[in-house]
Amino acid sequence: MGPRPMTTDGLPLIGPLPGHPGVVLATGHNMFGLMPAPATGRLVTGLLTGKPDDSLTPGFAPGRAVRRGLGPSAGRV
């Protein structure tokens, strides 16, 4: 029980954090808990080894949250 990292579009943020080389995010899985862990692990492993799954990676890219204002501080001044 506790706060759940969530995005407004319901999709997790998995991938490199724009503007921060070497930082890879894997967060925002909402209430799915550990269920998507194997798929997330495969995506992160691919990103870290230089062999990303290009068919999945763009849909979860953290940059989309910045473009759409999906992050936790969206709408705050």
N, C-alpha and C. Protein backbone atom coordinates (compact mmCIF):
# COMPACT_ATOMS: atom_id res chain seq x y z
N MET A 1 0.84 -1.17 0.00
CA MET A 1 0.00 0.00 0.00
C MET A 1 0.89 1.23 0.00
N GLY A 2 0.50 2.21 -0.77
CA GLY A 2 1.26 3.44 -0.83
C GLY A 2 1.10 4.10 -2.18
N PRO A 3 1.82 5.19 -2.40
CA PRO A 3 1.71 5.90 -3.67
C PRO A 3 2.16 5.02 -4.83
N ARG A 4 1.48 5.14 -5.94
CA ARG A 4 1.84 4.41 -7.14
C ARG A 4 2.30 5.42 -8.19
N PRO A 5 3.49 5.20 -8.76
CA PRO A 5 3.93 6.11 -9.82
C PRO A 5 3.06 5.90 -11.05
N MET A 6 2.36 6.95 -11.48
CA MET A 6 1.44 6.81 -12.59
C MET A 6 1.65 7.92 -13.60
N THR A 7 1.34 7.61 -14.84
CA THR A 7 1.32 8.62 -15.89
C THR A 7 -0.14 8.82 -16.28
N THR A 8 -0.43 9.96 -16.86
CA THR A 8 -1.83 10.23 -17.21
C THR A 8 -2.31 9.39 -18.38
N ASP A 9 -1.39 8.89 -19.22
CA ASP A 9 -1.84 8.06 -20.34
C ASP A 9 -1.85 6.58 -19.98
N GLY A 10 -1.43 6.23 -18.76
CA GLY A 10 -1.49 4.85 -18.29
C GLY A 10 -0.35 3.96 -18.75
N LEU A 11 0.57 4.49 -19.55
CA LEU A 11 1.70 3.70 -20.03
C LEU A 11 2.94 4.02 -19.21
N PRO A 12 3.77 3.03 -18.95
CA PRO A 12 4.98 3.29 -18.18
C PRO A 12 6.00 4.10 -18.98
N LEU A 13 6.93 4.68 -18.26
CA LEU A 13 8.06 5.40 -18.86
C LEU A 13 9.25 4.45 -18.81
N ILE A 14 9.67 3.97 -19.97
CA ILE A 14 10.78 3.03 -20.04
C ILE A 14 11.73 3.52 -21.13
N GLY A 15 12.92 3.91 -20.72
CA GLY A 15 13.91 4.35 -21.70
C GLY A 15 14.79 5.44 -21.16
N PRO A 16 15.66 5.97 -22.03
CA PRO A 16 16.60 7.02 -21.62
C PRO A 16 15.86 8.30 -21.23
N LEU A 17 16.33 8.94 -20.18
CA LEU A 17 15.76 10.21 -19.74
C LEU A 17 16.36 11.33 -20.57
N PRO A 18 15.54 12.06 -21.33
CA PRO A 18 16.08 13.13 -22.18
C PRO A 18 16.89 14.15 -21.38
N GLY A 19 18.06 14.48 -21.91
CA GLY A 19 18.90 15.48 -21.26
C GLY A 19 19.77 14.94 -20.15
N HIS A 20 19.70 13.65 -19.87
CA HIS A 20 20.48 13.04 -18.80
C HIS A 20 21.12 11.74 -19.31
N PRO A 21 22.25 11.87 -20.00
CA PRO A 21 22.90 10.68 -20.55
C PRO A 21 23.22 9.65 -19.46
N GLY A 22 22.98 8.41 -19.77
CA GLY A 22 23.29 7.34 -18.82
C GLY A 22 22.18 7.03 -17.84
N VAL A 23 21.07 7.77 -17.88
CA VAL A 23 19.94 7.51 -16.97
C VAL A 23 18.83 6.84 -17.77
N VAL A 24 18.42 5.66 -17.33
CA VAL A 24 17.32 4.93 -17.96
C VAL A 24 16.21 4.77 -16.94
N LEU A 25 15.00 5.17 -17.33
CA LEU A 25 13.84 5.05 -16.44
C LEU A 25 13.08 3.76 -16.72
N ALA A 26 12.48 3.24 -15.69
CA ALA A 26 11.55 2.11 -15.79
C ALA A 26 10.55 2.30 -14.65
N THR A 27 9.58 3.18 -14.87
CA THR A 27 8.65 3.56 -13.82
C THR A 27 7.27 3.82 -14.41
N GLY A 28 6.30 4.05 -13.56
CA GLY A 28 4.96 4.42 -14.00
C GLY A 28 4.12 3.24 -14.46
N HIS A 29 4.31 2.09 -13.85
CA HIS A 29 3.56 0.90 -14.24
C HIS A 29 2.15 0.86 -13.64
N ASN A 30 1.76 1.94 -13.04
CA ASN A 30 0.42 2.06 -12.46
C ASN A 30 0.12 0.92 -11.49
N MET A 31 -1.06 0.38 -11.54
CA MET A 31 -1.42 -0.65 -10.57
C MET A 31 -1.13 -2.07 -11.05
N PHE A 32 -0.33 -2.20 -12.09
CA PHE A 32 -0.01 -3.53 -12.60
C PHE A 32 1.06 -4.23 -11.77
N GLY A 33 1.74 -3.50 -10.93
CA GLY A 33 2.72 -4.09 -10.03
C GLY A 33 3.81 -4.84 -10.74
N LEU A 34 4.03 -6.09 -10.34
CA LEU A 34 5.11 -6.89 -10.90
C LEU A 34 4.75 -7.59 -12.21
N MET A 35 3.50 -7.53 -12.60
CA MET A 35 3.07 -8.25 -13.80
C MET A 35 3.90 -7.90 -15.05
N PRO A 36 4.20 -6.62 -15.33
CA PRO A 36 4.98 -6.30 -16.53
C PRO A 36 6.50 -6.36 -16.31
N ALA A 37 6.94 -6.83 -15.15
CA ALA A 37 8.37 -6.83 -14.84
C ALA A 37 9.22 -7.57 -15.86
N PRO A 38 8.84 -8.76 -16.33
CA PRO A 38 9.68 -9.46 -17.31
C PRO A 38 9.84 -8.66 -18.61
N ALA A 39 8.75 -8.09 -19.11
CA ALA A 39 8.84 -7.31 -20.35
C ALA A 39 9.65 -6.05 -20.15
N THR A 40 9.46 -5.39 -19.01
CA THR A 40 10.24 -4.19 -18.70
C THR A 40 11.72 -4.55 -18.61
N GLY A 41 12.01 -5.65 -17.96
CA GLY A 41 13.40 -6.09 -17.84
C GLY A 41 14.04 -6.33 -19.19
N ARG A 42 13.29 -6.93 -20.11
CA ARG A 42 13.82 -7.17 -21.46
C ARG A 42 14.07 -5.85 -22.19
N LEU A 43 13.13 -4.90 -22.05
CA LEU A 43 13.31 -3.60 -22.70
C LEU A 43 14.53 -2.87 -22.15
N VAL A 44 14.67 -2.83 -20.83
CA VAL A 44 15.80 -2.14 -20.21
C VAL A 44 17.11 -2.83 -20.57
N THR A 45 17.12 -4.16 -20.55
CA THR A 45 18.33 -4.89 -20.92
C THR A 45 18.75 -4.54 -22.35
N GLY A 46 17.79 -4.50 -23.26
CA GLY A 46 18.09 -4.13 -24.64
C GLY A 46 18.65 -2.72 -24.75
N LEU A 47 18.08 -1.80 -23.99
CA LEU A 47 18.57 -0.42 -24.02
C LEU A 47 20.00 -0.33 -23.48
N LEU A 48 20.28 -1.05 -22.41
CA LEU A 48 21.60 -0.97 -21.78
C LEU A 48 22.68 -1.71 -22.58
N THR A 49 22.28 -2.71 -23.36
CA THR A 49 23.26 -3.46 -24.14
C THR A 49 23.37 -2.95 -25.57
N GLY A 50 22.59 -1.93 -25.91
CA GLY A 50 22.65 -1.37 -27.25
C GLY A 50 21.85 -2.16 -28.27
N LYS A 51 20.93 -3.02 -27.80
CA LYS A 51 20.10 -3.82 -28.69
C LYS A 51 18.63 -3.64 -28.33
N PRO A 52 18.12 -2.40 -28.40
CA PRO A 52 16.73 -2.17 -28.00
C PRO A 52 15.74 -2.79 -28.97
N ASP A 53 14.56 -3.14 -28.47
CA ASP A 53 13.47 -3.64 -29.30
C ASP A 53 12.78 -2.42 -29.90
N ASP A 54 13.17 -2.07 -31.10
CA ASP A 54 12.66 -0.84 -31.73
C ASP A 54 11.16 -0.85 -31.99
N SER A 55 10.55 -2.02 -31.95
CA SER A 55 9.10 -2.06 -32.16
C SER A 55 8.34 -1.65 -30.91
N LEU A 56 8.95 -1.76 -29.74
CA LEU A 56 8.28 -1.42 -28.48
C LEU A 56 8.77 -0.13 -27.86
N THR A 57 10.05 0.15 -27.99
CA THR A 57 10.68 1.26 -27.28
C THR A 57 10.00 2.61 -27.47
N PRO A 58 9.63 3.04 -28.69
CA PRO A 58 9.05 4.40 -28.84
C PRO A 58 7.77 4.62 -28.05
N GLY A 59 6.94 3.61 -27.90
CA GLY A 59 5.68 3.77 -27.18
C GLY A 59 5.83 4.04 -25.70
N PHE A 60 6.98 3.69 -25.15
CA PHE A 60 7.22 3.87 -23.72
C PHE A 60 8.27 4.94 -23.43
N ALA A 61 8.79 5.60 -24.45
CA ALA A 61 9.88 6.57 -24.29
C ALA A 61 9.52 7.68 -23.30
N PRO A 62 10.38 7.94 -22.31
CA PRO A 62 10.10 9.00 -21.34
C PRO A 62 9.94 10.38 -21.97
N GLY A 63 10.54 10.60 -23.13
CA GLY A 63 10.41 11.89 -23.80
C GLY A 63 8.98 12.27 -24.11
N ARG A 64 8.11 11.28 -24.28
CA ARG A 64 6.70 11.58 -24.59
C ARG A 64 6.03 12.28 -23.41
N ALA A 65 6.46 11.99 -22.19
CA ALA A 65 5.87 12.64 -21.01
C ALA A 65 6.21 14.11 -20.98
N VAL A 66 7.41 14.44 -21.42
CA VAL A 66 7.83 15.84 -21.46
C VAL A 66 7.04 16.57 -22.53
N ARG A 67 6.86 15.93 -23.69
CA ARG A 67 6.14 16.57 -24.79
C ARG A 67 4.66 16.74 -24.48
N ARG A 68 4.07 15.78 -23.81
CA ARG A 68 2.62 15.82 -23.53
C ARG A 68 2.29 16.37 -22.16
N GLY A 69 3.29 16.63 -21.34
CA GLY A 69 3.01 17.09 -20.00
C GLY A 69 2.42 16.02 -19.12
N LEU A 70 2.94 14.79 -19.22
CA LEU A 70 2.37 13.68 -18.46
C LEU A 70 3.03 13.47 -17.10
N GLY A 71 4.12 14.15 -16.87
CA GLY A 71 4.87 13.92 -15.64
C GLY A 71 4.14 14.41 -14.42
N PRO A 72 4.68 14.08 -13.23
CA PRO A 72 4.01 14.41 -11.97
C PRO A 72 3.88 15.91 -11.73
N SER A 73 4.73 16.72 -12.38
CA SER A 73 4.63 18.16 -12.14
C SER A 73 3.84 18.87 -13.23
N ALA A 74 3.19 18.11 -14.11
CA ALA A 74 2.40 18.72 -15.18
C ALA A 74 1.32 19.63 -14.61
N GLY A 75 1.27 20.82 -15.13
CA GLY A 75 0.26 21.76 -14.68
C GLY A 75 0.64 22.55 -13.45
N ARG A 76 1.75 22.24 -12.84
CA ARG A 76 2.19 22.99 -11.66
C ARG A 76 3.06 24.16 -12.09
N VAL A 77 3.02 25.19 -11.32
CA VAL A 77 3.86 26.36 -11.58
C VAL A 77 4.98 26.41 -10.58
